[in-house]
Every structure is written in C-alpha cells, then in structure tokens.
C-alpha cells in the first residue's frame, strides 16, 4: 500500500496541472515588426534613435500590454536592448504601433553598422527583434517573441496618427 501512495500523489498532481492549464485562454505570441528607425540625435559617444514598432495580436481576445523587453540585432550585430514601458490595449485580432526611443553606443553598434554597409544607404537592413511582451492577464505573464525582417533608416517617421490607448 505504501508503494501506491507516491503514484496516487503523482496522478493527483498531474490532474491538477492539467486542470489549471484549462482555466484561461492560451495566448498566441504577438507579432512585433520594426517599421522604421530614425536618428534623433548623435554625437561621438552615443546616438538616440526612434524605433517604430508594429504589434499584431493573433488572438481572439484583447491583450493588455504592460511593456516589453527587447533585443534588436541589425545585420547580425547587437544594436539595442532594453525595456519599453509603453502600456496599451492590443485589440482582438488587431494591431497597434508605438515608438521606442533607444540609445546606442557608437563603438558597439551604430559604428559597426555603418562600416558594414560601406558608405551605402541604410535601406533594407536585415534585423531581428526578440524578447518578451509583458501582459496583465493569463497564465503566462511574459510571452516570448522573435521576428526577422528588413528595416529602413532612410525615410523619416511620421507622427503616429493615434497613440496606443493607455490603460
């Protein structure tokens, strides 16, 4: 009989985990895309960029975003990393755009990018953005994401028509 107690406890634990996972919808990963990068200021030591990000919600329910943690690679090199505390409601099956201000170090990121393009235009630059989206509800409060694409430094970013709705 003593041999059966651990098995019964294990089965009860597995049943409890399965029941908890069925409480709440499973969120699909939001898709983050870089729409553009614009130089805001630059000097010998640091540069500040405005990075326009588009977030698409593939879920059937609205997602309250409380911020994100990100790493941005340009042409395979680290460009920027940090957190954004933008808080907004991402509509069900909808999208939102927002701007992040990022600061880089010339030696560690932007300088390498300039040397790699060899004086060419900063158009169609390969990027990868990865990290975690922080949400206010659900079993997982941090949803990992990763996306690759190309981004353009050459066009000015227009002001957003509507800012993400604050919660």
Foldseek 3Di string as FASTA:
>chain_A
DVVCVVVVVVVVVVVVVVVVQPPDDDFDDKAKDWAAKEWDDDDQFKTKIKTKIKTFGAAQAKWWWQWWWKWKDWLNFTAFTGIGRDTAIAGGRHMAMDIDITMGTCVRHVVVVCVVVPPDFQFFIKMKMWTWTATDDDPDRTHIDMDIGGYHHPDDDDDDPDHGDHD
